[in-house]
Amino acid sequence: MKPASFSKTLMRGQILVLGVTGGVGQAVAQQLLAEGFEVIGTCRTVAQSRQMIAAGICTRTLLLRLDKSASIAAAFKKLTRQGVSTLDAVVNCAAVTEPKPLELADIDDVRRLFQINLFGALEVMQRAVPLLRPVRGRIVLVSSTSGSIGVPLLGAYSASKFALEALADVLRRELVPWKIGVSLVIPGGIKTGMIDRQLKEIDAELASLKPGGKSTMIAEYSTQYRQHRTVIELAEKSAVPPAQVAAEVLRAVTDPKPKARYLCGFTSRGTRTMRRMLPDAVLDQLFSYLPESKK
């Protein structure tokens, strides 16, 4: 079988998109569909699957839960039964986060976060590589600026993204013999529902500290919550639309020589520069001196 070259004349193929129900996942699926790819989108429930098909977000769907190994195995068995013998690319847009001081984080919640953001993603890659190998396909992982600078209250999320970037680097080097490109797309803030959810979670924690509130949080962390709200508010102002992230994903899928990293937006580039140039002590001080949100 002749490997796909990803030129404009050979852009029709099958791409598996994880997390197609999210804002970024939907934008990625629609961008790839517009370029002529067949998009197989993963959903957690039958209801989501029907919704995605009805909305024309993807060509077809596959039930797959990243927090369940049995679900991942069943999904790939179904692909085989459906006659899918090759994939031109796998794109992972799925991730979860929860703002919480590491001291107070529920370890089961941290395990679930890692299962979705890292271990589940790795299991999918392990099963996908044999399908990518015959056509020299691509692996594209959507990361975050939190994968280069650890952010207070996002310790578990940052750790999972740091690990995801290491996983991508190693996969890229290990898969060189088969010319399977592995790329990270790294946006800063993205204009999706995740920003609003984080703000609501922070406000709920702060409200629980008021007289009569039910909180197990150590009161001194309230300053960091208000500072974190400032970080999110700033990120929201510079956030890029999901379509911009999707455009970088398309580049990672179709570039003749894919890059290891595609930075998306001013915040992404700025964060990478800060990580390279500033000593850890300076970064620590920057987080300490952040103004507290007045909301």
C-alpha atoms as a PDB file:
ATOM      1  CA  MET A   1       0.000   0.000   0.000  1.00  0.00           C
ATOM      2  CA  LYS A   2       1.405   3.383  -0.979  1.00  0.00           C
ATOM      3  CA  PRO A   3       1.756   5.738   2.006  1.00  0.00           C
ATOM      4  CA  ALA A   4      -0.386   8.846   1.974  1.00  0.00           C
ATOM      5  CA  SER A   5       1.614  11.984   1.240  1.00  0.00           C
ATOM      6  CA  PHE A   6      -1.010  14.397   2.609  1.00  0.00           C
ATOM      7  CA  SER A   7      -0.888  16.523  -0.516  1.00  0.00           C
ATOM      8  CA  LYS A   8      -4.015  18.347  -1.610  1.00  0.00           C
ATOM      9  CA  THR A   9      -4.844  15.473  -3.958  1.00  0.00           C
ATOM     10  CA  LEU A  10      -4.563  12.822  -1.262  1.00  0.00           C
ATOM     11  CA  MET A  11      -6.380  14.405   1.629  1.00  0.00           C
ATOM     12  CA  ARG A  12      -9.329  12.033   1.827  1.00  0.00           C
ATOM     13  CA  GLY A  13      -8.890   9.525   4.612  1.00  0.00           C
ATOM     14  CA  GLN A  14     -10.224   8.477   7.988  1.00  0.00           C
ATOM     15  CA  ILE A  15      -9.347  10.437  11.119  1.00  0.00           C
ATOM     16  CA  LEU A  16     -10.284   9.509  14.670  1.00  0.00           C
ATOM     17  CA  VAL A  17     -11.051  12.574  16.803  1.00  0.00           C
ATOM     18  CA  LEU A  18     -11.240  12.092  20.570  1.00  0.00           C
ATOM     19  CA  GLY A  19     -13.454  14.469  22.531  1.00  0.00           C
ATOM     20  CA  VAL A  20     -15.596  15.546  19.606  1.00  0.00           C
ATOM     21  CA  THR A  21     -18.389  16.762  21.883  1.00  0.00           C
ATOM     22  CA  GLY A  22     -16.257  19.611  23.290  1.00  0.00           C
ATOM     23  CA  GLY A  23     -15.869  23.034  21.707  1.00  0.00           C
ATOM     24  CA  VAL A  24     -12.378  22.339  20.334  1.00  0.00           C
ATOM     25  CA  GLY A  25     -13.275  18.816  19.256  1.00  0.00           C
ATOM     26  CA  GLN A  26     -16.286  20.038  17.300  1.00  0.00           C
ATOM     27  CA  ALA A  27     -14.250  22.756  15.581  1.00  0.00           C
ATOM     28  CA  VAL A  28     -11.545  20.245  14.677  1.00  0.00           C
ATOM     29  CA  ALA A  29     -14.075  17.765  13.296  1.00  0.00           C
ATOM     30  CA  GLN A  30     -15.783  20.413  11.181  1.00  0.00           C
ATOM     31  CA  GLN A  31     -12.437  21.702   9.846  1.00  0.00           C
ATOM     32  CA  LEU A  32     -11.343  18.198   8.854  1.00  0.00           C
ATOM     33  CA  LEU A  33     -14.727  17.456   7.263  1.00  0.00           C
ATOM     34  CA  ALA A  34     -14.439  20.648   5.218  1.00  0.00           C
ATOM     35  CA  GLU A  35     -11.075  19.405   3.938  1.00  0.00           C
ATOM     36  CA  GLY A  36     -12.577  16.145   2.734  1.00  0.00           C
ATOM     37  CA  PHE A  37     -11.622  13.788   5.539  1.00  0.00           C
ATOM     38  CA  GLU A  38     -13.975  11.208   6.998  1.00  0.00           C
ATOM     39  CA  VAL A  39     -14.172  12.001  10.711  1.00  0.00           C
ATOM     40  CA  ILE A  40     -14.866   9.324  13.293  1.00  0.00           C
ATOM     41  CA  GLY A  41     -15.725  11.197  16.482  1.00  0.00           C
ATOM     42  CA  THR A  42     -15.693   9.621  19.935  1.00  0.00           C
ATOM     43  CA  CYS A  43     -18.596  10.230  22.331  1.00  0.00           C
ATOM     44  CA  ARG A  44     -19.266   9.061  25.863  1.00  0.00           C
ATOM     45  CA  THR A  45     -22.985   8.354  25.418  1.00  0.00           C
ATOM     46  CA  VAL A  46     -25.476   7.279  22.770  1.00  0.00           C
ATOM     47  CA  ALA A  47     -27.329  10.589  23.210  1.00  0.00           C
ATOM     48  CA  GLN A  48     -24.158  12.549  22.444  1.00  0.00           C
ATOM     49  CA  SER A  49     -23.519  10.331  19.443  1.00  0.00           C
ATOM     50  CA  ARG A  50     -26.937  11.020  17.983  1.00  0.00           C
ATOM     51  CA  GLN A  51     -26.526  14.737  18.621  1.00  0.00           C
ATOM     52  CA  MET A  52     -23.161  14.889  16.817  1.00  0.00           C
ATOM     53  CA  ILE A  53     -24.481  13.013  13.792  1.00  0.00           C
ATOM     54  CA  ALA A  54     -27.647  15.102  13.627  1.00  0.00           C
ATOM     55  CA  ALA A  55     -25.601  18.303  13.773  1.00  0.00           C
ATOM     56  CA  GLY A  56     -23.274  17.090  11.035  1.00  0.00           C
ATOM     57  CA  ILE A  57     -20.226  17.471  13.300  1.00  0.00           C
ATOM     58  CA  CYS A  58     -18.643  14.229  12.124  1.00  0.00           C
ATOM     59  CA  THR A  59     -19.161  11.458   9.582  1.00  0.00           C
ATOM     60  CA  ARG A  60     -19.822   8.810  12.199  1.00  0.00           C
ATOM     61  CA  THR A  61     -19.283   8.253  15.880  1.00  0.00           C
ATOM     62  CA  LEU A  62     -17.734   5.716  18.184  1.00  0.00           C
ATOM     63  CA  LEU A  63     -18.649   5.207  21.832  1.00  0.00           C
ATOM     64  CA  LEU A  64     -15.437   5.532  23.838  1.00  0.00           C
ATOM     65  CA  ARG A  65     -14.692   6.564  27.408  1.00  0.00           C
ATOM     66  CA  LEU A  66     -11.085   7.447  28.132  1.00  0.00           C
ATOM     67  CA  ASP A  67     -11.570   6.650  31.824  1.00  0.00           C
ATOM     68  CA  LYS A  68     -12.485   3.020  31.027  1.00  0.00           C
ATOM     69  CA  SER A  69      -9.898   0.658  29.492  1.00  0.00           C
ATOM     70  CA  ALA A  70     -12.641  -1.803  28.565  1.00  0.00           C
ATOM     71  CA  SER A  71     -14.432   0.948  26.644  1.00  0.00           C
ATOM     72  CA  ILE A  72     -11.284   1.775  24.664  1.00  0.00           C
ATOM     73  CA  ALA A  73     -10.745  -1.881  23.789  1.00  0.00           C
ATOM     74  CA  ALA A  74     -14.389  -2.307  22.740  1.00  0.00           C
ATOM     75  CA  ALA A  75     -14.235   0.812  20.556  1.00  0.00           C
ATOM     76  CA  PHE A  76     -11.254  -0.458  18.563  1.00  0.00           C
ATOM     77  CA  LYS A  77     -12.833  -3.890  18.183  1.00  0.00           C
ATOM     78  CA  LYS A  78     -15.857  -2.154  16.715  1.00  0.00           C
ATOM     79  CA  LEU A  79     -13.622  -0.257  14.282  1.00  0.00           C
ATOM     80  CA  THR A  80     -12.215  -3.591  13.117  1.00  0.00           C
ATOM     81  CA  ARG A  81     -15.712  -5.046  12.657  1.00  0.00           C
ATOM     82  CA  GLN A  82     -16.621  -1.966  10.628  1.00  0.00           C
ATOM     83  CA  GLY A  83     -13.747  -2.697   8.266  1.00  0.00           C
ATOM     84  CA  VAL A  84     -11.422   0.117   9.386  1.00  0.00           C
ATOM     85  CA  SER A  85      -7.921  -1.204   8.665  1.00  0.00           C
ATOM     86  CA  THR A  86      -6.061   2.138   8.515  1.00  0.00           C
ATOM     87  CA  LEU A  87      -6.321   5.602  10.026  1.00  0.00           C
ATOM     88  CA  ASP A  88      -4.750   8.697   8.492  1.00  0.00           C
ATOM     89  CA  ALA A  89      -4.593  10.426  11.867  1.00  0.00           C
ATOM     90  CA  VAL A  90      -5.688  10.359  15.493  1.00  0.00           C
ATOM     91  CA  VAL A  91      -6.431  13.722  17.107  1.00  0.00           C
ATOM     92  CA  ASN A  92      -6.920  13.949  20.865  1.00  0.00           C
ATOM     93  CA  CYS A  93      -8.937  16.981  22.018  1.00  0.00           C
ATOM     94  CA  ALA A  94     -10.247  15.418  25.249  1.00  0.00           C
ATOM     95  CA  ALA A  95      -9.253  16.752  28.688  1.00  0.00           C
ATOM     96  CA  VAL A  96     -10.731  17.590  32.077  1.00  0.00           C
ATOM     97  CA  THR A  97      -9.593  19.936  34.841  1.00  0.00           C
ATOM     98  CA  GLU A  98     -10.565  20.881  38.392  1.00  0.00           C
ATOM     99  CA  PRO A  99      -9.081  23.850  40.297  1.00  0.00           C
ATOM    100  CA  LYS A 100      -7.985  22.550  43.687  1.00  0.00           C
ATOM    101  CA  PRO A 101      -4.894  22.960  45.914  1.00  0.00           C
ATOM    102  CA  LEU A 102      -2.800  19.781  45.695  1.00  0.00           C
ATOM    103  CA  GLU A 103      -2.870  19.469  49.491  1.00  0.00           C
ATOM    104  CA  LEU A 104      -6.665  19.153  49.410  1.00  0.00           C
ATOM    105  CA  ALA A 105      -7.168  17.311  46.120  1.00  0.00           C
ATOM    106  CA  ASP A 106      -9.107  14.051  46.362  1.00  0.00           C
ATOM    107  CA  ILE A 107      -6.660  11.406  45.156  1.00  0.00           C
ATOM    108  CA  ASP A 108      -9.426   9.498  43.366  1.00  0.00           C
ATOM    109  CA  ASP A 109     -10.300  12.654  41.433  1.00  0.00           C
ATOM    110  CA  VAL A 110      -6.627  13.065  40.511  1.00  0.00           C
ATOM    111  CA  ARG A 111      -6.480   9.446  39.309  1.00  0.00           C
ATOM    112  CA  ARG A 112      -9.567   9.968  37.148  1.00  0.00           C
ATOM    113  CA  LEU A 113      -8.098  13.178  35.696  1.00  0.00           C
ATOM    114  CA  PHE A 114      -4.888  11.342  34.772  1.00  0.00           C
ATOM    115  CA  GLN A 115      -6.857   8.439  33.336  1.00  0.00           C
ATOM    116  CA  ILE A 116      -8.644  10.793  30.939  1.00  0.00           C
ATOM    117  CA  ASN A 117      -5.849  13.269  30.185  1.00  0.00           C
ATOM    118  CA  LEU A 118      -2.945  10.826  29.996  1.00  0.00           C
ATOM    119  CA  PHE A 119      -3.448   7.086  30.494  1.00  0.00           C
ATOM    120  CA  GLY A 120      -6.554   6.840  28.326  1.00  0.00           C
ATOM    121  CA  ALA A 121      -4.849   8.903  25.627  1.00  0.00           C
ATOM    122  CA  LEU A 122      -1.860   6.534  25.717  1.00  0.00           C
ATOM    123  CA  GLU A 123      -4.091   3.456  25.482  1.00  0.00           C
ATOM    124  CA  VAL A 124      -5.743   4.919  22.390  1.00  0.00           C
ATOM    125  CA  MET A 125      -2.352   5.664  20.813  1.00  0.00           C
ATOM    126  CA  GLN A 126      -1.166   2.102  21.502  1.00  0.00           C
ATOM    127  CA  ARG A 127      -4.166   0.675  19.692  1.00  0.00           C
ATOM    128  CA  ALA A 128      -4.057   3.263  16.911  1.00  0.00           C
ATOM    129  CA  VAL A 129      -0.399   2.934  15.881  1.00  0.00           C
ATOM    130  CA  PRO A 130      -0.918  -0.373  13.975  1.00  0.00           C
ATOM    131  CA  LEU A 131      -3.670   1.397  11.983  1.00  0.00           C
ATOM    132  CA  LEU A 132      -1.475   4.443  11.343  1.00  0.00           C
ATOM    133  CA  ARG A 133       1.650   2.508  10.350  1.00  0.00           C
ATOM    134  CA  PRO A 134       0.561   1.324   6.845  1.00  0.00           C
ATOM    135  CA  VAL A 135      -0.217   4.886   5.666  1.00  0.00           C
ATOM    136  CA  ARG A 136       2.364   6.806   7.719  1.00  0.00           C
ATOM    137  CA  GLY A 137      -0.397   8.529   9.612  1.00  0.00           C
ATOM    138  CA  ARG A 138      -0.269  11.294  12.194  1.00  0.00           C
ATOM    139  CA  ILE A 139      -0.866  11.642  15.920  1.00  0.00           C
ATOM    140  CA  VAL A 140      -1.951  15.099  17.085  1.00  0.00           C
ATOM    141  CA  LEU A 141      -2.368  15.851  20.787  1.00  0.00           C
ATOM    142  CA  VAL A 142      -3.958  19.084  21.995  1.00  0.00           C
ATOM    143  CA  SER A 143      -2.004  20.231  25.055  1.00  0.00           C
ATOM    144  CA  SER A 144      -1.998  23.493  27.021  1.00  0.00           C
ATOM    145  CA  THR A 145       0.281  26.241  28.285  1.00  0.00           C
ATOM    146  CA  SER A 146      -0.158  24.498  31.646  1.00  0.00           C
ATOM    147  CA  GLY A 147       2.064  21.806  30.153  1.00  0.00           C
ATOM    148  CA  SER A 148       5.078  24.128  30.305  1.00  0.00           C
ATOM    149  CA  ILE A 149       4.420  26.184  33.460  1.00  0.00           C
ATOM    150  CA  GLY A 150       2.808  24.682  36.555  1.00  0.00           C
ATOM    151  CA  VAL A 151      -0.153  26.817  37.578  1.00  0.00           C
ATOM    152  CA  PRO A 152      -1.303  27.039  41.233  1.00  0.00           C
ATOM    153  CA  LEU A 153      -4.652  25.288  41.801  1.00  0.00           C
ATOM    154  CA  LEU A 154      -4.179  23.407  38.519  1.00  0.00           C
ATOM    155  CA  GLY A 155      -1.497  21.073  39.833  1.00  0.00           C
ATOM    156  CA  ALA A 156      -3.078  17.808  38.697  1.00  0.00           C
ATOM    157  CA  TYR A 157      -4.046  19.242  35.304  1.00  0.00           C
ATOM    158  CA  SER A 158      -0.581  20.784  34.793  1.00  0.00           C
ATOM    159  CA  ALA A 159       1.100  17.524  35.776  1.00  0.00           C
ATOM    160  CA  SER A 160      -1.015  15.576  33.285  1.00  0.00           C
ATOM    161  CA  LYS A 161      -0.147  18.023  30.493  1.00  0.00           C
ATOM    162  CA  PHE A 162       3.572  17.982  31.360  1.00  0.00           C
ATOM    163  CA  ALA A 163       3.379  14.188  31.110  1.00  0.00           C
ATOM    164  CA  LEU A 164       1.401  14.352  27.854  1.00  0.00           C
ATOM    165  CA  GLU A 165       4.132  16.486  26.279  1.00  0.00           C
ATOM    166  CA  ALA A 166       6.789  13.981  27.388  1.00  0.00           C
ATOM    167  CA  LEU A 167       4.686  11.163  25.956  1.00  0.00           C
ATOM    168  CA  ALA A 168       4.435  12.992  22.626  1.00  0.00           C
ATOM    169  CA  ASP A 169       8.193  13.616  22.481  1.00  0.00           C
ATOM    170  CA  VAL A 170       8.991   9.962  23.140  1.00  0.00           C
ATOM    171  CA  LEU A 171       6.355   8.655  20.717  1.00  0.00           C
ATOM    172  CA  ARG A 172       7.684  10.953  17.996  1.00  0.00           C
ATOM    173  CA  ARG A 173      11.182   9.545  18.439  1.00  0.00           C
ATOM    174  CA  GLU A 174      10.100   5.923  18.760  1.00  0.00           C
ATOM    175  CA  LEU A 175       7.916   6.043  15.640  1.00  0.00           C
ATOM    176  CA  VAL A 176      10.577   7.531  13.341  1.00  0.00           C
ATOM    177  CA  PRO A 177      11.176   4.185  11.533  1.00  0.00           C
ATOM    178  CA  TRP A 178       7.571   4.238  10.272  1.00  0.00           C
ATOM    179  CA  LYS A 179       7.486   7.985   9.590  1.00  0.00           C
ATOM    180  CA  ILE A 180       4.456   8.487  11.834  1.00  0.00           C
ATOM    181  CA  GLY A 181       4.390  12.181  12.734  1.00  0.00           C
ATOM    182  CA  VAL A 182       3.553  13.103  16.323  1.00  0.00           C
ATOM    183  CA  SER A 183       2.678  16.737  17.050  1.00  0.00           C
ATOM    184  CA  LEU A 184       1.431  18.822  19.956  1.00  0.00           C
ATOM    185  CA  VAL A 185      -0.955  21.714  19.381  1.00  0.00           C
ATOM    186  CA  ILE A 186      -0.540  24.119  22.308  1.00  0.00           C
ATOM    187  CA  PRO A 187      -3.148  26.857  22.750  1.00  0.00           C
ATOM    188  CA  GLY A 188      -3.371  29.325  25.613  1.00  0.00           C
ATOM    189  CA  GLY A 189      -6.912  30.166  26.686  1.00  0.00           C
ATOM    190  CA  ILE A 190      -9.643  28.925  24.358  1.00  0.00           C
ATOM    191  CA  LYS A 191     -13.106  30.458  24.106  1.00  0.00           C
ATOM    192  CA  THR A 192     -15.033  27.385  25.250  1.00  0.00           C
ATOM    193  CA  GLY A 193     -17.274  26.443  28.157  1.00  0.00           C
ATOM    194  CA  MET A 194     -14.243  25.277  30.174  1.00  0.00           C
ATOM    195  CA  ILE A 195     -13.424  28.878  31.174  1.00  0.00           C
ATOM    196  CA  ASP A 196     -16.945  29.500  32.485  1.00  0.00           C
ATOM    197  CA  ARG A 197     -16.917  26.181  34.359  1.00  0.00           C
ATOM    198  CA  GLN A 198     -13.634  27.058  36.075  1.00  0.00           C
ATOM    199  CA  LEU A 199     -14.948  30.472  37.127  1.00  0.00           C
ATOM    200  CA  LYS A 200     -18.091  28.877  38.597  1.00  0.00           C
ATOM    201  CA  GLU A 201     -16.016  26.299  40.496  1.00  0.00           C
ATOM    202  CA  ILE A 202     -13.785  29.024  41.942  1.00  0.00           C
ATOM    203  CA  ASP A 203     -16.757  31.184  42.932  1.00  0.00           C
ATOM    204  CA  ALA A 204     -18.399  28.194  44.624  1.00  0.00           C
ATOM    205  CA  GLU A 205     -15.253  27.517  46.675  1.00  0.00           C
ATOM    206  CA  LEU A 206     -14.958  31.174  47.703  1.00  0.00           C
ATOM    207  CA  ALA A 207     -18.641  31.310  48.622  1.00  0.00           C
ATOM    208  CA  SER A 208     -18.201  28.266  50.854  1.00  0.00           C
ATOM    209  CA  LEU A 209     -15.694  30.224  52.963  1.00  0.00           C
ATOM    210  CA  LYS A 210     -18.215  32.883  53.953  1.00  0.00           C
ATOM    211  CA  PRO A 211     -19.908  32.712  57.373  1.00  0.00           C
ATOM    212  CA  GLY A 212     -22.265  29.754  57.405  1.00  0.00           C
ATOM    213  CA  GLY A 213     -20.608  28.220  54.341  1.00  0.00           C
ATOM    214  CA  LYS A 214     -19.717  24.538  54.247  1.00  0.00           C
ATOM    215  CA  SER A 215     -16.037  24.324  53.409  1.00  0.00           C
ATOM    216  CA  THR A 216     -13.193  21.962  54.189  1.00  0.00           C
ATOM    217  CA  MET A 217     -10.765  24.287  52.398  1.00  0.00           C
ATOM    218  CA  ILE A 218      -7.998  25.938  54.369  1.00  0.00           C
ATOM    219  CA  ALA A 219      -8.905  29.628  54.453  1.00  0.00           C
ATOM    220  CA  GLU A 220      -5.415  30.807  53.464  1.00  0.00           C
ATOM    221  CA  TYR A 221      -5.928  29.300  49.999  1.00  0.00           C
ATOM    222  CA  SER A 222      -8.684  31.842  49.325  1.00  0.00           C
ATOM    223  CA  THR A 223      -6.045  34.359  48.187  1.00  0.00           C
ATOM    224  CA  GLN A 224      -4.764  31.905  45.586  1.00  0.00           C
ATOM    225  CA  TYR A 225      -8.316  31.244  44.402  1.00  0.00           C
ATOM    226  CA  ARG A 226      -8.872  34.977  43.855  1.00  0.00           C
ATOM    227  CA  GLN A 227      -5.482  35.231  42.105  1.00  0.00           C
ATOM    228  CA  HIS A 228      -6.399  32.250  39.955  1.00  0.00           C
ATOM    229  CA  ARG A 229      -9.619  33.997  39.027  1.00  0.00           C
ATOM    230  CA  THR A 230      -7.454  36.874  37.791  1.00  0.00           C
ATOM    231  CA  VAL A 231      -5.416  34.420  35.671  1.00  0.00           C
ATOM    232  CA  ILE A 232      -8.595  33.045  34.098  1.00  0.00           C
ATOM    233  CA  GLU A 233     -10.008  36.526  33.480  1.00  0.00           C
ATOM    234  CA  LEU A 234      -6.779  37.508  31.688  1.00  0.00           C
ATOM    235  CA  ALA A 235      -6.771  34.246  29.747  1.00  0.00           C
ATOM    236  CA  GLU A 236     -10.363  34.874  28.718  1.00  0.00           C
ATOM    237  CA  LYS A 237      -9.437  38.258  27.225  1.00  0.00           C
ATOM    238  CA  SER A 238      -6.661  36.759  25.100  1.00  0.00           C
ATOM    239  CA  ALA A 239      -8.437  33.461  24.398  1.00  0.00           C
ATOM    240  CA  VAL A 240      -8.448  32.183  20.838  1.00  0.00           C
ATOM    241  CA  PRO A 241     -11.567  30.773  19.154  1.00  0.00           C
ATOM    242  CA  PRO A 242     -11.759  26.974  18.749  1.00  0.00           C
ATOM    243  CA  ALA A 243     -11.534  27.451  14.977  1.00  0.00           C
ATOM    244  CA  GLN A 244      -7.989  28.807  15.390  1.00  0.00           C
ATOM    245  CA  VAL A 245      -6.972  25.688  17.299  1.00  0.00           C
ATOM    246  CA  ALA A 246      -8.617  23.573  14.604  1.00  0.00           C
ATOM    247  CA  ALA A 247      -6.560  25.359  11.937  1.00  0.00           C
ATOM    248  CA  GLU A 248      -3.350  24.374  13.748  1.00  0.00           C
ATOM    249  CA  VAL A 249      -4.575  20.785  14.052  1.00  0.00           C
ATOM    250  CA  LEU A 250      -5.176  20.728  10.297  1.00  0.00           C
ATOM    251  CA  ARG A 251      -1.629  21.961   9.733  1.00  0.00           C
ATOM    252  CA  ALA A 252      -0.278  19.200  11.983  1.00  0.00           C
ATOM    253  CA  VAL A 253      -2.256  16.622  10.012  1.00  0.00           C
ATOM    254  CA  THR A 254      -1.388  17.872   6.535  1.00  0.00           C
ATOM    255  CA  ASP A 255       2.089  19.469   6.704  1.00  0.00           C
ATOM    256  CA  PRO A 256       4.536  17.404   4.608  1.00  0.00           C
ATOM    257  CA  LYS A 257       7.015  17.709   7.483  1.00  0.00           C
ATOM    258  CA  PRO A 258       4.958  18.114  10.666  1.00  0.00           C
ATOM    259  CA  LYS A 259       6.470  20.134  13.506  1.00  0.00           C
ATOM    260  CA  ALA A 260       6.802  18.788  17.023  1.00  0.00           C
ATOM    261  CA  ARG A 261       4.819  21.725  18.411  1.00  0.00           C
ATOM    262  CA  TYR A 262       2.305  24.174  16.978  1.00  0.00           C
ATOM    263  CA  LEU A 263       1.855  27.180  19.275  1.00  0.00           C
ATOM    264  CA  CYS A 264      -1.576  28.749  19.032  1.00  0.00           C
ATOM    265  CA  GLY A 265      -2.134  32.347  20.112  1.00  0.00           C
ATOM    266  CA  PHE A 266      -0.154  35.056  21.883  1.00  0.00           C
ATOM    267  CA  THR A 267      -0.497  33.459  25.338  1.00  0.00           C
ATOM    268  CA  SER A 268       0.950  30.190  24.094  1.00  0.00           C
ATOM    269  CA  ARG A 269       4.002  31.852  22.575  1.00  0.00           C
ATOM    270  CA  GLY A 270       4.470  34.153  25.575  1.00  0.00           C
ATOM    271  CA  THR A 271       4.306  31.284  28.049  1.00  0.00           C
ATOM    272  CA  ARG A 272       6.925  29.278  26.158  1.00  0.00           C
ATOM    273  CA  THR A 273       9.219  32.305  26.093  1.00  0.00           C
ATOM    274  CA  MET A 274       8.771  32.901  29.837  1.00  0.00           C
ATOM    275  CA  ARG A 275       9.561  29.262  30.597  1.00  0.00           C
ATOM    276  CA  ARG A 276      12.797  29.453  28.595  1.00  0.00           C
ATOM    277  CA  MET A 277      14.014  32.834  29.824  1.00  0.00           C
ATOM    278  CA  LEU A 278      12.887  33.284  33.421  1.00  0.00           C
ATOM    279  CA  PRO A 279      14.416  31.480  36.423  1.00  0.00           C
ATOM    280  CA  ASP A 280      12.060  29.443  38.594  1.00  0.00           C
ATOM    281  CA  ALA A 281      12.428  31.932  41.446  1.00  0.00           C
ATOM    282  CA  VAL A 282      11.149  34.751  39.228  1.00  0.00           C
ATOM    283  CA  LEU A 283       8.182  32.681  38.026  1.00  0.00           C
ATOM    284  CA  ASP A 284       7.355  31.832  41.649  1.00  0.00           C
ATOM    285  CA  GLN A 285       7.304  35.526  42.522  1.00  0.00           C
ATOM    286  CA  LEU A 286       5.118  36.366  39.522  1.00  0.00           C
ATOM    287  CA  PHE A 287       2.451  33.983  40.776  1.00  0.00           C
ATOM    288  CA  SER A 288       2.778  35.298  44.345  1.00  0.00           C
ATOM    289  CA  TYR A 289       2.312  38.923  43.282  1.00  0.00           C
ATOM    290  CA  LEU A 290      -0.704  38.389  41.039  1.00  0.00           C
ATOM    291  CA  PRO A 291      -3.549  40.779  41.916  1.00  0.00           C
ATOM    292  CA  GLU A 292      -6.642  39.259  43.470  1.00  0.00           C
ATOM    293  CA  SER A 293      -9.830  39.328  41.447  1.00  0.00           C
ATOM    294  CA  LYS A 294     -12.382  41.725  42.910  1.00  0.00           C
ATOM    295  CA  LYS A 295     -15.358  39.635  41.856  1.00  0.00           C
END
